[in-house]
Amino acid sequence: QVQLVESGGGSVQPGQSLRLSCAASGSIFRRGSMGWYRQAPGKQREWIATISSGGMTNYADSVKGRFTISRDNDKNMIDLQMNSLKPEDTAVYYCNSRYYPIAWGQGTQVTVSS
């Protein structure tokens, strides 16, 4: 069954870090680039980071310099290291194929608050 499972979210204070993980079925990884997305309360889901099958990365301006996306092609997993978190990073975080998305997983909640 093709699926995506995100994990690693939590509640942290501003300036702290979190590392998210996404386990994806092999068929998703074979689609090439993978991405992380997030959806804040009352807002549309937005793209924040992409990693190609070869490891090239791209980031939204809002997270550039603070977040790092990585992938393990042997384990079919992608991670998102989030540093210097801000309250505006509060959202549910999702992963998916960047250009051939499937049904979204449940996501993982990240809350940044003092």
Protein backbone atom coordinates (compact mmCIF):
# COMPACT_ATOMS: atom_id res chain seq x y z
CA GLN A 1 0.00 0.00 0.00
CA VAL A 2 1.33 3.39 -0.97
CA GLN A 3 1.53 5.63 2.05
CA LEU A 4 3.33 8.41 3.86
CA VAL A 5 3.93 8.51 7.61
CA GLU A 6 5.29 11.64 9.23
CA SER A 7 6.69 11.77 12.76
CA GLY A 8 8.83 13.82 15.11
CA GLY A 9 6.62 16.81 15.80
CA GLY A 10 6.11 18.34 19.20
CA SER A 11 5.87 21.51 21.25
CA VAL A 12 8.99 23.65 21.63
CA GLN A 13 9.97 27.17 22.58
CA PRO A 14 11.16 29.74 20.06
CA GLY A 15 14.78 29.20 19.09
CA GLN A 16 14.72 25.47 19.74
CA SER A 17 15.04 22.65 17.20
CA LEU A 18 13.06 19.65 16.00
CA ARG A 19 13.76 16.90 13.52
CA LEU A 20 10.90 15.48 11.49
CA SER A 21 10.94 12.19 9.65
CA CYS A 22 8.84 10.81 6.83
CA ALA A 23 8.62 7.15 5.93
CA ALA A 24 7.42 6.64 2.38
CA SER A 25 6.66 3.60 0.31
CA GLY A 26 9.24 2.67 -2.29
CA SER A 27 6.98 3.58 -5.15
CA ILE A 28 6.86 7.18 -3.93
CA PHE A 29 10.61 7.44 -3.72
CA ARG A 30 10.93 6.18 -7.28
CA ARG A 31 8.98 9.26 -8.38
CA GLY A 32 12.09 11.33 -7.74
CA SER A 33 11.98 14.59 -5.83
CA MET A 34 10.36 14.63 -2.42
CA GLY A 35 9.06 17.61 -0.54
CA TRP A 36 8.02 18.86 2.86
CA TYR A 37 4.93 20.98 3.23
CA ARG A 38 3.08 22.58 6.10
CA GLN A 39 -0.38 23.88 6.88
CA ALA A 40 -0.90 26.47 9.58
CA PRO A 41 -4.31 26.97 11.20
CA GLY A 42 -6.65 28.78 8.84
CA LYS A 43 -4.16 28.75 5.98
CA GLN A 44 -3.59 26.70 2.87
CA ARG A 45 -0.94 24.03 2.74
CA GLU A 46 2.37 25.47 1.54
CA TRP A 47 5.53 23.95 0.13
CA ILE A 48 8.69 24.55 2.18
CA ALA A 49 11.46 22.25 0.95
CA THR A 50 12.40 19.88 -1.88
CA ILE A 51 15.12 17.30 -2.28
CA SER A 52 15.83 15.57 -5.57
CA SER A 53 16.74 11.92 -5.92
CA GLY A 54 20.34 13.07 -6.28
CA GLY A 55 20.27 15.22 -3.17
CA MET A 56 19.81 18.70 -4.63
CA THR A 57 17.74 20.88 -2.31
CA ASN A 58 15.55 23.94 -2.56
CA TYR A 59 13.76 25.90 0.17
CA ALA A 60 11.05 28.45 0.59
CA ASP A 61 12.36 31.82 1.69
CA SER A 62 10.52 31.51 5.00
CA VAL A 63 12.70 28.55 6.10
CA LYS A 64 15.90 29.04 4.12
CA GLY A 65 18.94 28.97 6.39
CA ARG A 66 17.02 27.39 9.27
CA PHE A 67 15.65 24.12 7.86
CA THR A 68 17.57 21.31 6.19
CA ILE A 69 15.98 18.52 4.17
CA SER A 70 17.73 15.18 3.69
CA ARG A 71 16.87 11.75 2.35
CA ASP A 72 17.95 8.16 2.76
CA ASN A 73 17.14 6.35 -0.46
CA ASP A 74 17.96 2.95 1.04
CA LYS A 75 15.41 3.43 3.83
CA ASN A 76 12.86 5.39 1.77
CA MET A 77 12.89 8.19 4.33
CA ILE A 78 13.27 11.92 4.28
CA ASP A 79 14.01 14.16 7.24
CA LEU A 80 13.58 17.81 8.00
CA GLN A 81 15.95 19.35 10.53
CA MET A 82 14.37 22.53 11.85
CA ASN A 83 16.52 24.98 13.77
CA SER A 84 15.82 28.42 15.22
CA LEU A 85 12.12 27.71 15.27
CA LYS A 86 9.70 30.64 15.35
CA PRO A 87 6.06 30.86 16.42
CA GLU A 88 5.10 31.30 12.77
CA ASP A 89 6.50 27.81 12.08
CA THR A 90 3.56 26.37 14.01
CA ALA A 91 1.73 24.06 11.62
CA VAL A 92 1.03 20.48 10.66
CA TYR A 93 3.93 19.22 8.57
CA TYR A 94 3.54 16.78 5.69
CA CYS A 95 5.76 15.06 3.16
CA ASN A 96 4.90 13.95 -0.36
CA SER A 97 6.31 13.45 -3.80
CA ARG A 98 7.16 16.94 -5.05
CA TYR A 99 5.77 16.60 -8.56
CA TYR A 100 3.63 13.44 -8.45
CA PRO A 101 1.83 13.68 -5.11
CA ILE A 102 -0.35 10.97 -3.67
CA ALA A 103 -2.93 11.10 -0.91
CA TRP A 104 -1.59 13.05 2.05
CA GLY A 105 -0.64 11.36 5.28
CA GLN A 106 -1.82 12.49 8.71
CA GLY A 107 1.09 14.85 9.16
CA THR A 108 2.88 15.74 12.38
CA GLN A 109 2.05 18.75 14.53
CA VAL A 110 4.73 21.31 15.34
CA THR A 111 3.91 23.98 17.90
CA VAL A 112 6.34 26.79 18.68
CA SER A 113 5.31 28.88 21.65
CA SER A 114 6.80 30.51 24.70
